[in-house]
Amino acid sequence: MRPYCSVCRYPQKTCVCNAVTQICTPVQFLIIQHEKEAIHAKNTAKLVQLCLPDTPILSAGADEAEMAVADALDNAGSPAVIYPSPESTSLEKTPQSGTHDLFILLDGSWRQAYGLWQRFTQLHPLPQYHFSHAGPSDYRIRHTRSESGLSTLEAVAHVMKETTETDPAPLYRLQQFMQAQWQGPAAHLRRK
């Protein structure tokens, strides 16, 4: 078993602690993570939590997951979901300043995120947003067939950019640092 850093929880060979800059932002995030995504060494939700330590990552595999989501919704003043449902509207085309205090993201592959959306029905009445102008992903070490597929970190950074005056650059820098440290097979690289 390979050794892991006790702080960043990445393999010691890819420790990112030296590149972490914590961010203070007026909005909160909740990441509901598919249980299979949690085991990937390359998942970026952990990076988000390093920069935004008050961001809970909720494992969808936990027995109390629905209750934890309900608690988060009860404690939020105006929550919203980042998910491209048929009812979602463009985040970039909707005035956002101070509208929401909590953004919920579903972390996993497109198929896994759809499964999470079907499971967590308490999210369905919330305002739902998709990205229409997020730009291409710079996350190269995870393969995806989707042109619009962003890493969870990139999605959080884009929400911050569109809804706050907080600079998301520390998130992008941390993702870049992690990719530079990463050692793995070329088959995992994003196909162009």
N, C-alpha and C. Protein backbone atom coordinates (compact mmCIF):
# COMPACT_ATOMS: atom_id res chain seq x y z
N MET A 1 0.84 -1.18 0.00
CA MET A 1 0.00 0.00 0.00
C MET A 1 0.89 1.25 0.00
N ARG A 2 0.60 2.19 -0.89
CA ARG A 2 1.43 3.37 -0.97
C ARG A 2 1.12 4.35 0.16
N PRO A 3 2.13 5.07 0.64
CA PRO A 3 1.90 6.02 1.74
C PRO A 3 1.22 7.29 1.25
N TYR A 4 0.34 7.83 2.09
CA TYR A 4 -0.41 9.04 1.79
C TYR A 4 -0.03 10.15 2.76
N CYS A 5 -0.10 11.38 2.28
CA CYS A 5 0.13 12.54 3.14
C CYS A 5 -1.05 12.65 4.10
N SER A 6 -0.77 12.87 5.37
CA SER A 6 -1.84 12.95 6.37
C SER A 6 -2.60 14.27 6.30
N VAL A 7 -2.07 15.26 5.61
CA VAL A 7 -2.73 16.57 5.52
C VAL A 7 -3.60 16.65 4.26
N CYS A 8 -2.98 16.48 3.09
CA CYS A 8 -3.75 16.65 1.84
C CYS A 8 -4.43 15.36 1.39
N ARG A 9 -4.04 14.23 1.95
CA ARG A 9 -4.62 12.92 1.65
C ARG A 9 -4.34 12.45 0.22
N TYR A 10 -3.34 13.05 -0.42
CA TYR A 10 -2.86 12.55 -1.71
C TYR A 10 -1.65 11.66 -1.45
N PRO A 11 -1.32 10.75 -2.39
CA PRO A 11 -0.11 9.95 -2.21
C PRO A 11 1.09 10.87 -1.95
N GLN A 12 2.00 10.43 -1.09
CA GLN A 12 3.13 11.28 -0.72
C GLN A 12 3.93 11.75 -1.94
N LYS A 13 3.99 10.93 -2.97
CA LYS A 13 4.72 11.33 -4.18
C LYS A 13 4.04 12.49 -4.90
N THR A 14 2.74 12.67 -4.67
CA THR A 14 2.01 13.75 -5.32
C THR A 14 1.45 14.74 -4.29
N CYS A 15 2.05 14.82 -3.13
CA CYS A 15 1.61 15.74 -2.06
C CYS A 15 1.50 17.16 -2.62
N VAL A 16 0.40 17.83 -2.30
CA VAL A 16 0.16 19.17 -2.83
C VAL A 16 0.19 20.24 -1.74
N CYS A 17 0.59 19.89 -0.54
CA CYS A 17 0.52 20.82 0.60
C CYS A 17 1.23 22.14 0.33
N ASN A 18 2.35 22.12 -0.37
CA ASN A 18 3.10 23.35 -0.63
C ASN A 18 2.39 24.31 -1.58
N ALA A 19 1.36 23.86 -2.25
CA ALA A 19 0.67 24.70 -3.23
C ALA A 19 -0.71 25.16 -2.75
N VAL A 20 -1.08 24.84 -1.53
CA VAL A 20 -2.42 25.18 -1.03
C VAL A 20 -2.47 26.62 -0.53
N THR A 21 -3.45 27.37 -1.04
CA THR A 21 -3.78 28.70 -0.53
C THR A 21 -5.26 28.68 -0.17
N GLN A 22 -5.57 28.93 1.09
CA GLN A 22 -6.98 28.91 1.48
C GLN A 22 -7.67 30.18 1.02
N ILE A 23 -8.95 30.03 0.70
CA ILE A 23 -9.77 31.10 0.14
C ILE A 23 -10.95 31.36 1.07
N CYS A 24 -11.30 32.63 1.22
CA CYS A 24 -12.51 33.00 1.94
C CYS A 24 -13.51 33.54 0.92
N THR A 25 -14.69 32.96 0.89
CA THR A 25 -15.70 33.37 -0.09
C THR A 25 -17.05 33.51 0.60
N PRO A 26 -17.92 34.42 0.13
CA PRO A 26 -19.22 34.62 0.79
C PRO A 26 -20.23 33.51 0.52
N VAL A 27 -19.96 32.63 -0.43
CA VAL A 27 -20.88 31.51 -0.68
C VAL A 27 -20.24 30.22 -0.17
N GLN A 28 -21.09 29.29 0.16
CA GLN A 28 -20.64 27.98 0.61
C GLN A 28 -20.89 26.95 -0.49
N PHE A 29 -20.17 25.85 -0.39
CA PHE A 29 -20.34 24.75 -1.33
C PHE A 29 -20.55 23.47 -0.56
N LEU A 30 -21.34 22.58 -1.13
CA LEU A 30 -21.52 21.22 -0.62
C LEU A 30 -21.30 20.30 -1.81
N ILE A 31 -20.41 19.35 -1.66
CA ILE A 31 -20.13 18.40 -2.73
C ILE A 31 -20.70 17.05 -2.33
N ILE A 32 -21.63 16.55 -3.13
CA ILE A 32 -22.15 15.19 -2.92
C ILE A 32 -21.36 14.31 -3.87
N GLN A 33 -20.57 13.43 -3.30
CA GLN A 33 -19.62 12.65 -4.09
C GLN A 33 -20.09 11.20 -4.22
N HIS A 34 -20.10 10.74 -5.45
CA HIS A 34 -20.40 9.33 -5.69
C HIS A 34 -19.35 8.49 -4.99
N GLU A 35 -19.76 7.38 -4.40
CA GLU A 35 -18.82 6.57 -3.62
C GLU A 35 -17.65 6.04 -4.45
N LYS A 36 -17.85 5.81 -5.73
CA LYS A 36 -16.74 5.35 -6.59
C LYS A 36 -15.77 6.48 -6.90
N GLU A 37 -16.25 7.71 -6.91
CA GLU A 37 -15.37 8.85 -7.17
C GLU A 37 -14.42 9.09 -5.99
N ALA A 38 -14.89 8.79 -4.80
CA ALA A 38 -14.08 9.03 -3.61
C ALA A 38 -12.79 8.22 -3.59
N ILE A 39 -12.78 7.08 -4.26
CA ILE A 39 -11.59 6.22 -4.23
C ILE A 39 -10.55 6.60 -5.28
N HIS A 40 -10.89 7.53 -6.19
CA HIS A 40 -9.94 7.94 -7.22
C HIS A 40 -8.90 8.88 -6.61
N ALA A 41 -7.63 8.54 -6.77
CA ALA A 41 -6.56 9.39 -6.25
C ALA A 41 -6.58 10.76 -6.92
N LYS A 42 -7.18 10.85 -8.10
CA LYS A 42 -7.16 12.08 -8.88
C LYS A 42 -8.40 12.95 -8.69
N ASN A 43 -9.27 12.60 -7.76
CA ASN A 43 -10.49 13.40 -7.64
C ASN A 43 -10.17 14.79 -7.09
N THR A 44 -10.76 15.80 -7.68
CA THR A 44 -10.42 17.18 -7.33
C THR A 44 -11.26 17.75 -6.20
N ALA A 45 -12.26 17.01 -5.73
CA ALA A 45 -13.05 17.50 -4.59
C ALA A 45 -12.14 17.70 -3.38
N LYS A 46 -11.15 16.82 -3.22
CA LYS A 46 -10.21 16.97 -2.11
C LYS A 46 -9.43 18.27 -2.24
N LEU A 47 -9.09 18.65 -3.46
CA LEU A 47 -8.38 19.92 -3.67
C LEU A 47 -9.27 21.10 -3.28
N VAL A 48 -10.54 21.03 -3.63
CA VAL A 48 -11.48 22.10 -3.25
C VAL A 48 -11.49 22.26 -1.74
N GLN A 49 -11.56 21.14 -1.05
CA GLN A 49 -11.64 21.18 0.41
C GLN A 49 -10.36 21.74 1.04
N LEU A 50 -9.22 21.56 0.38
CA LEU A 50 -7.98 22.13 0.89
C LEU A 50 -8.00 23.66 0.80
N CYS A 51 -8.53 24.21 -0.30
CA CYS A 51 -8.61 25.67 -0.46
C CYS A 51 -9.81 26.27 0.27
N LEU A 52 -10.89 25.53 0.34
CA LEU A 52 -12.12 25.97 1.01
C LEU A 52 -12.44 24.95 2.11
N PRO A 53 -11.75 25.04 3.26
CA PRO A 53 -11.87 23.98 4.28
C PRO A 53 -13.26 23.80 4.87
N ASP A 54 -14.13 24.78 4.70
CA ASP A 54 -15.50 24.63 5.22
C ASP A 54 -16.43 23.94 4.23
N THR A 55 -15.87 23.39 3.16
CA THR A 55 -16.67 22.70 2.15
C THR A 55 -16.79 21.23 2.51
N PRO A 56 -17.99 20.79 2.91
CA PRO A 56 -18.14 19.37 3.19
C PRO A 56 -18.20 18.55 1.91
N ILE A 57 -17.59 17.38 1.96
CA ILE A 57 -17.71 16.40 0.89
C ILE A 57 -18.52 15.26 1.48
N LEU A 58 -19.72 15.10 0.99
CA LEU A 58 -20.64 14.11 1.51
C LEU A 58 -20.60 12.87 0.64
N SER A 59 -20.25 11.74 1.22
CA SER A 59 -20.23 10.50 0.47
C SER A 59 -21.65 9.99 0.26
N ALA A 60 -22.01 9.82 -0.99
CA ALA A 60 -23.35 9.33 -1.31
C ALA A 60 -23.55 7.90 -0.83
N GLY A 61 -22.46 7.19 -0.55
CA GLY A 61 -22.57 5.82 -0.07
C GLY A 61 -22.89 5.71 1.41
N ALA A 62 -22.81 6.83 2.12
CA ALA A 62 -23.09 6.80 3.56
C ALA A 62 -24.58 6.61 3.82
N ASP A 63 -24.89 5.86 4.86
CA ASP A 63 -26.29 5.60 5.20
C ASP A 63 -27.06 6.88 5.50
N GLU A 64 -26.37 7.84 6.09
CA GLU A 64 -27.05 9.07 6.52
C GLU A 64 -26.96 10.19 5.47
N ALA A 65 -26.64 9.87 4.23
CA ALA A 65 -26.42 10.88 3.19
C ALA A 65 -27.65 11.76 2.97
N GLU A 66 -28.82 11.18 2.85
CA GLU A 66 -30.03 11.98 2.61
C GLU A 66 -30.30 12.91 3.77
N MET A 67 -30.07 12.42 5.01
CA MET A 67 -30.29 13.26 6.18
C MET A 67 -29.29 14.41 6.22
N ALA A 68 -28.05 14.16 5.84
CA ALA A 68 -27.03 15.21 5.83
C ALA A 68 -27.37 16.28 4.79
N VAL A 69 -27.88 15.86 3.64
CA VAL A 69 -28.30 16.83 2.63
C VAL A 69 -29.48 17.65 3.15
N ALA A 70 -30.45 16.99 3.79
CA ALA A 70 -31.60 17.70 4.35
C ALA A 70 -31.15 18.72 5.39
N ASP A 71 -30.19 18.36 6.23
CA ASP A 71 -29.66 19.29 7.24
C ASP A 71 -29.01 20.50 6.57
N ALA A 72 -28.21 20.25 5.53
CA ALA A 72 -27.55 21.34 4.82
C ALA A 72 -28.58 22.29 4.21
N LEU A 73 -29.64 21.72 3.64
CA LEU A 73 -30.68 22.56 3.04
C LEU A 73 -31.42 23.37 4.10
N ASP A 74 -31.66 22.76 5.26
CA ASP A 74 -32.33 23.47 6.36
C ASP A 74 -31.50 24.63 6.87
N ASN A 75 -30.18 24.50 6.84
CA ASN A 75 -29.29 25.53 7.36
C ASN A 75 -28.92 26.59 6.35
N ALA A 76 -29.29 26.39 5.10
CA ALA A 76 -28.97 27.36 4.05
C ALA A 76 -30.13 28.33 3.87
N GLY A 77 -29.81 29.57 3.57
CA GLY A 77 -30.87 30.55 3.32
C GLY A 77 -31.45 30.42 1.92
N SER A 78 -30.57 30.23 0.94
CA SER A 78 -31.00 30.15 -0.45
C SER A 78 -30.07 29.22 -1.23
N PRO A 79 -30.30 27.90 -1.12
CA PRO A 79 -29.44 26.95 -1.82
C PRO A 79 -29.80 26.80 -3.29
N ALA A 80 -28.82 26.35 -4.06
CA ALA A 80 -29.02 26.07 -5.49
C ALA A 80 -28.15 24.88 -5.87
N VAL A 81 -28.46 24.27 -7.00
CA VAL A 81 -27.74 23.09 -7.47
C VAL A 81 -27.08 23.41 -8.81
N ILE A 82 -25.84 22.97 -8.94
CA ILE A 82 -25.18 23.03 -10.24
C ILE A 82 -25.36 21.66 -10.87
N TYR A 83 -26.32 21.58 -11.77
CA TYR A 83 -26.62 20.32 -12.46
C TYR A 83 -27.40 20.64 -13.73
N PRO A 84 -26.99 20.11 -14.87
CA PRO A 84 -27.66 20.46 -16.14
C PRO A 84 -28.95 19.69 -16.36
N SER A 85 -29.91 19.90 -15.49
CA SER A 85 -31.21 19.24 -15.66
C SER A 85 -31.99 19.94 -16.76
N PRO A 86 -33.08 19.34 -17.23
CA PRO A 86 -33.91 20.01 -18.25
C PRO A 86 -34.47 21.36 -17.76
N GLU A 87 -34.58 21.54 -16.44
CA GLU A 87 -35.12 22.77 -15.88
C GLU A 87 -34.03 23.79 -15.52
N SER A 88 -32.78 23.44 -15.71
CA SER A 88 -31.70 24.34 -15.29
C SER A 88 -31.60 25.54 -16.22
N THR A 89 -31.09 26.63 -15.67
CA THR A 89 -30.84 27.83 -16.45
C THR A 89 -29.34 28.12 -16.44
N SER A 90 -28.92 28.93 -17.36
CA SER A 90 -27.51 29.27 -17.48
C SER A 90 -27.07 30.11 -16.29
N LEU A 91 -26.04 29.67 -15.61
CA LEU A 91 -25.50 30.43 -14.49
C LEU A 91 -25.00 31.79 -14.96
N GLU A 92 -24.38 31.81 -16.13
CA GLU A 92 -23.79 33.04 -16.64
C GLU A 92 -24.83 34.06 -17.09
N LYS A 93 -26.02 33.61 -17.44
CA LYS A 93 -27.04 34.52 -17.96
C LYS A 93 -28.07 34.92 -16.91
N THR A 94 -27.86 34.51 -15.66
CA THR A 94 -28.79 34.80 -14.59
C THR A 94 -28.11 35.70 -13.58
N PRO A 95 -28.69 36.86 -13.23
CA PRO A 95 -28.05 37.71 -12.21
C PRO A 95 -27.87 36.93 -10.91
N GLN A 96 -26.66 36.94 -10.38
CA GLN A 96 -26.34 36.08 -9.24
C GLN A 96 -25.91 36.79 -7.97
N SER A 97 -25.53 38.02 -8.03
CA SER A 97 -24.93 38.69 -6.88
C SER A 97 -25.79 38.55 -5.63
N GLY A 98 -25.32 37.77 -4.67
CA GLY A 98 -26.02 37.59 -3.41
C GLY A 98 -27.28 36.76 -3.46
N THR A 99 -27.57 36.12 -4.59
CA THR A 99 -28.81 35.36 -4.72
C THR A 99 -28.79 34.09 -3.90
N HIS A 100 -27.69 33.37 -3.92
CA HIS A 100 -27.60 32.07 -3.23
C HIS A 100 -26.44 32.07 -2.26
N ASP A 101 -26.63 31.37 -1.15
CA ASP A 101 -25.56 31.26 -0.15
C ASP A 101 -24.94 29.86 -0.12
N LEU A 102 -25.54 28.92 -0.83
CA LEU A 102 -25.01 27.55 -0.89
C LEU A 102 -25.21 27.00 -2.30
N PHE A 103 -24.13 26.47 -2.85
CA PHE A 103 -24.20 25.78 -4.14
C PHE A 103 -23.83 24.32 -3.91
N ILE A 104 -24.68 23.44 -4.42
CA ILE A 104 -24.47 21.99 -4.27
C ILE A 104 -24.00 21.45 -5.61
N LEU A 105 -22.92 20.67 -5.57
CA LEU A 105 -22.38 20.05 -6.77
C LEU A 105 -22.39 18.53 -6.62
N LEU A 106 -22.67 17.84 -7.71
CA LEU A 106 -22.67 16.38 -7.73
C LEU A 106 -21.36 15.92 -8.37
N ASP A 107 -20.57 15.18 -7.61
CA ASP A 107 -19.22 14.82 -8.02
C ASP A 107 -19.16 13.37 -8.48
N GLY A 108 -18.85 13.19 -9.75
CA GLY A 108 -18.71 11.86 -10.34
C GLY A 108 -18.74 11.98 -11.85
N SER A 109 -18.68 10.84 -12.51
CA SER A 109 -18.83 10.85 -13.97
C SER A 109 -20.23 11.35 -14.31
N TRP A 110 -20.47 11.62 -15.59
CA TRP A 110 -21.80 12.07 -15.99
C TRP A 110 -22.87 11.05 -15.58
N ARG A 111 -22.58 9.77 -15.78
CA ARG A 111 -23.54 8.72 -15.41
C ARG A 111 -23.75 8.69 -13.90
N GLN A 112 -22.66 8.81 -13.14
CA GLN A 112 -22.76 8.81 -11.68
C GLN A 112 -23.53 10.03 -11.18
N ALA A 113 -23.27 11.20 -11.78
CA ALA A 113 -23.97 12.41 -11.38
C ALA A 113 -25.47 12.28 -11.65
N TYR A 114 -25.82 11.67 -12.77
CA TYR A 114 -27.24 11.44 -13.07
C TYR A 114 -27.87 10.54 -12.00
N GLY A 115 -27.15 9.50 -11.60
CA GLY A 115 -27.64 8.63 -10.54
C GLY A 115 -27.83 9.37 -9.23
N LEU A 116 -26.90 10.26 -8.91
CA LEU A 116 -27.03 11.07 -7.69
C LEU A 116 -28.24 12.00 -7.79
N TRP A 117 -28.44 12.58 -8.97
CA TRP A 117 -29.58 13.46 -9.18
C TRP A 117 -30.89 12.69 -8.98
N GLN A 118 -30.97 11.47 -9.48
CA GLN A 118 -32.16 10.65 -9.31
C GLN A 118 -32.38 10.26 -7.85
N ARG A 119 -31.30 10.03 -7.14
CA ARG A 119 -31.39 9.60 -5.75
C ARG A 119 -31.77 10.73 -4.79
N PHE A 120 -31.14 11.88 -4.95
CA PHE A 120 -31.35 12.99 -4.01
C PHE A 120 -32.47 13.90 -4.52
N THR A 121 -33.68 13.40 -4.43
CA THR A 121 -34.84 14.12 -4.98
C THR A 121 -35.13 15.42 -4.23
N GLN A 122 -34.61 15.57 -3.01
CA GLN A 122 -34.84 16.82 -2.28
C GLN A 122 -34.13 18.01 -2.95
N LEU A 123 -33.23 17.72 -3.91
CA LEU A 123 -32.57 18.79 -4.66
C LEU A 123 -33.44 19.32 -5.80
N HIS A 124 -34.39 18.53 -6.26
CA HIS A 124 -35.17 18.87 -7.45
C HIS A 124 -35.94 20.18 -7.36
N PRO A 125 -36.50 20.55 -6.19
CA PRO A 125 -37.22 21.85 -6.13
C PRO A 125 -36.30 23.08 -6.12
N LEU A 126 -35.02 22.89 -5.91
CA LEU A 126 -34.08 24.01 -5.81
C LEU A 126 -33.80 24.61 -7.19
N PRO A 127 -33.39 25.88 -7.23
CA PRO A 127 -32.92 26.43 -8.50
C PRO A 127 -31.74 25.61 -9.02
N GLN A 128 -31.77 25.33 -10.30
CA GLN A 128 -30.73 24.50 -10.93
C GLN A 128 -30.05 25.30 -12.03
N TYR A 129 -28.72 25.17 -12.06
CA TYR A 129 -27.94 25.93 -13.04
C TYR A 129 -26.99 25.02 -13.80
N HIS A 130 -26.77 25.39 -15.05
CA HIS A 130 -25.74 24.75 -15.87
C HIS A 130 -24.81 25.85 -16.36
N PHE A 131 -23.69 25.46 -16.93
CA PHE A 131 -22.72 26.42 -17.46
C PHE A 131 -22.90 26.52 -18.96
N SER A 132 -22.97 27.73 -19.45
CA SER A 132 -23.03 27.91 -20.90
C SER A 132 -21.74 28.51 -21.46
N HIS A 133 -20.91 29.09 -20.58
CA HIS A 133 -19.67 29.71 -21.05
C HIS A 133 -18.51 29.45 -20.08
N ALA A 134 -18.35 28.23 -19.66
CA ALA A 134 -17.29 27.92 -18.70
C ALA A 134 -15.93 27.75 -19.37
N GLY A 135 -15.93 27.52 -20.64
CA GLY A 135 -14.67 27.29 -21.34
C GLY A 135 -14.23 25.85 -21.20
N PRO A 136 -13.15 25.49 -21.89
CA PRO A 136 -12.70 24.10 -21.86
C PRO A 136 -12.00 23.76 -20.54
N SER A 137 -12.03 22.52 -20.21
CA SER A 137 -11.36 22.04 -19.00
C SER A 137 -9.85 22.01 -19.22
N ASP A 138 -9.14 22.31 -18.15
CA ASP A 138 -7.69 22.18 -18.16
C ASP A 138 -7.26 20.96 -17.35
N TYR A 139 -8.23 20.15 -16.97
CA TYR A 139 -7.93 18.97 -16.17
C TYR A 139 -7.61 17.82 -17.12
N ARG A 140 -6.34 17.55 -17.29
CA ARG A 140 -5.87 16.63 -18.33
C ARG A 140 -5.72 15.20 -17.87
N ILE A 141 -5.71 14.94 -16.58
CA ILE A 141 -5.35 13.59 -16.13
C ILE A 141 -6.53 12.67 -15.88
N ARG A 142 -7.73 13.10 -16.22
CA ARG A 142 -8.89 12.22 -16.18
C ARG A 142 -9.50 12.18 -17.56
N HIS A 143 -9.72 11.00 -18.06
CA HIS A 143 -10.31 10.84 -19.39
C HIS A 143 -11.81 11.10 -19.34
N THR A 144 -12.31 11.81 -20.33
CA THR A 144 -13.75 11.99 -20.50
C THR A 144 -14.04 12.19 -21.98
N ARG A 145 -15.20 11.78 -22.39
CA ARG A 145 -15.61 11.99 -23.79
C ARG A 145 -16.37 13.30 -23.95
N SER A 146 -16.73 13.92 -22.83
CA SER A 146 -17.53 15.13 -22.88
C SER A 146 -16.66 16.36 -23.09
N GLU A 147 -17.00 17.14 -24.11
CA GLU A 147 -16.27 18.38 -24.38
C GLU A 147 -16.48 19.39 -23.26
N SER A 148 -17.66 19.35 -22.63
CA SER A 148 -17.98 20.34 -21.60
C SER A 148 -17.69 19.84 -20.19
N GLY A 149 -17.05 18.68 -20.08
CA GLY A 149 -16.78 18.11 -18.77
C GLY A 149 -15.70 18.85 -18.02
N LEU A 150 -16.06 19.45 -16.90
CA LEU A 150 -15.11 20.13 -16.04
C LEU A 150 -14.83 19.25 -14.82
N SER A 151 -13.68 19.45 -14.23
CA SER A 151 -13.43 18.81 -12.94
C SER A 151 -14.32 19.50 -11.91
N THR A 152 -14.52 18.86 -10.78
CA THR A 152 -15.31 19.47 -9.71
C THR A 152 -14.66 20.76 -9.26
N LEU A 153 -13.34 20.78 -9.18
CA LEU A 153 -12.64 22.00 -8.80
C LEU A 153 -12.92 23.11 -9.80
N GLU A 154 -12.86 22.81 -11.08
CA GLU A 154 -13.14 23.83 -12.10
C GLU A 154 -14.58 24.33 -12.01
N ALA A 155 -15.50 23.45 -11.69
CA ALA A 155 -16.90 23.86 -11.53
C ALA A 155 -17.06 24.81 -10.35
N VAL A 156 -16.43 24.49 -9.22
CA VAL A 156 -16.48 25.37 -8.05
C VAL A 156 -15.86 26.73 -8.39
N ALA A 157 -14.71 26.70 -9.04
CA ALA A 157 -14.03 27.95 -9.41
C ALA A 157 -14.90 28.80 -10.33
N HIS A 158 -15.58 28.15 -11.27
CA HIS A 158 -16.44 28.90 -12.19
C HIS A 158 -17.63 29.51 -11.45
N VAL A 159 -18.22 28.78 -10.53
CA VAL A 159 -19.32 29.33 -9.73
C VAL A 159 -18.82 30.54 -8.94
N MET A 160 -17.64 30.42 -8.33
CA MET A 160 -17.09 31.55 -7.58
C MET A 160 -16.90 32.77 -8.48
N LYS A 161 -16.36 32.54 -9.66
CA LYS A 161 -16.11 33.63 -10.60
C LYS A 161 -17.40 34.33 -11.02
N GLU A 162 -18.47 33.54 -11.22
CA GLU A 162 -19.72 34.10 -11.71
C GLU A 162 -20.60 34.69 -10.62
N THR A 163 -20.41 34.27 -9.36
CA THR A 163 -21.36 34.67 -8.32
C THR A 163 -20.74 35.54 -7.22
N THR A 164 -19.43 35.67 -7.20
CA THR A 164 -18.77 36.43 -6.14
C THR A 164 -17.65 37.28 -6.75
N GLU A 165 -17.03 38.06 -5.92
CA GLU A 165 -15.85 38.80 -6.34
C GLU A 165 -14.58 38.10 -5.87
N THR A 166 -14.72 36.87 -5.43
CA THR A 166 -13.58 36.08 -4.95
C THR A 166 -12.76 35.57 -6.13
N ASP A 167 -11.46 35.71 -6.04
CA ASP A 167 -10.56 35.24 -7.09
C ASP A 167 -10.37 33.73 -6.96
N PRO A 168 -10.77 32.94 -7.97
CA PRO A 168 -10.62 31.49 -7.88
C PRO A 168 -9.23 30.99 -8.29
N ALA A 169 -8.30 31.89 -8.55
CA ALA A 169 -6.96 31.49 -9.04
C ALA A 169 -6.27 30.46 -8.15
N PRO A 170 -6.38 30.54 -6.80
CA PRO A 170 -5.72 29.51 -5.99
C PRO A 170 -6.22 28.08 -6.28
N LEU A 171 -7.48 27.96 -6.64
CA LEU A 171 -8.01 26.64 -7.00
C LEU A 171 -7.35 26.14 -8.28
N TYR A 172 -7.32 26.98 -9.30
CA TYR A 172 -6.71 26.58 -10.57
C TYR A 172 -5.23 26.24 -10.40
N ARG A 173 -4.52 27.06 -9.60
CA ARG A 173 -3.09 26.80 -9.38
C ARG A 173 -2.87 25.46 -8.68
N LEU A 174 -3.74 25.14 -7.72
CA LEU A 174 -3.61 23.88 -7.00
C LEU A 174 -3.86 22.69 -7.93
N GLN A 175 -4.85 22.82 -8.79
CA GLN A 175 -5.11 21.74 -9.76
C GLN A 175 -3.92 21.57 -10.70
N GLN A 176 -3.35 22.67 -11.16
CA GLN A 176 -2.18 22.60 -12.03
C GLN A 176 -1.00 21.93 -11.31
N PHE A 177 -0.79 22.30 -10.06
CA PHE A 177 0.30 21.72 -9.28
C PHE A 177 0.11 20.21 -9.13
N MET A 178 -1.11 19.81 -8.80
CA MET A 178 -1.40 18.38 -8.63
C MET A 178 -1.14 17.63 -9.93
N GLN A 179 -1.55 18.19 -11.05
CA GLN A 179 -1.32 17.52 -12.33
C GLN A 179 0.17 17.41 -12.64
N ALA A 180 0.94 18.43 -12.29
CA ALA A 180 2.38 18.40 -12.54
C ALA A 180 3.06 17.33 -11.68
N GLN A 181 2.51 17.07 -10.50
CA GLN A 181 3.08 16.06 -9.60
C GLN A 181 2.63 14.65 -9.95
N TRP A 182 1.50 14.54 -10.66
CA TRP A 182 0.86 13.25 -10.88
C TRP A 182 1.73 12.33 -11.72
N GLN A 183 1.78 11.08 -11.29
CA GLN A 183 2.52 10.06 -12.02
C GLN A 183 1.55 8.92 -12.32
N GLY A 184 1.21 8.74 -13.55
CA GLY A 184 0.27 7.69 -13.91
C GLY A 184 0.33 7.39 -15.38
N PRO A 185 -0.47 6.42 -15.80
CA PRO A 185 -0.43 6.00 -17.20
C PRO A 185 -0.99 7.05 -18.16
N ALA A 186 -0.40 7.13 -19.32
CA ALA A 186 -0.85 8.08 -20.34
C ALA A 186 -2.29 7.80 -20.77
N ALA A 187 -2.75 6.57 -20.58
CA ALA A 187 -4.12 6.22 -20.98
C ALA A 187 -5.16 6.99 -20.18
N HIS A 188 -4.78 7.55 -19.04
CA HIS A 188 -5.73 8.30 -18.22
C HIS A 188 -5.86 9.75 -18.67
N LEU A 189 -5.02 10.18 -19.59
CA LEU A 189 -5.06 11.58 -20.02
C LEU A 189 -6.30 11.85 -20.83
N ARG A 190 -6.81 13.08 -20.69
CA ARG A 190 -7.99 13.53 -21.44
C ARG A 190 -7.65 13.49 -22.92
N ARG A 191 -8.54 12.92 -23.69
CA ARG A 191 -8.34 12.85 -25.15
C ARG A 191 -8.83 14.12 -25.79
N LYS A 192 -8.07 14.62 -26.72
CA LYS A 192 -8.43 15.87 -27.40
C LYS A 192 -9.31 15.57 -28.59
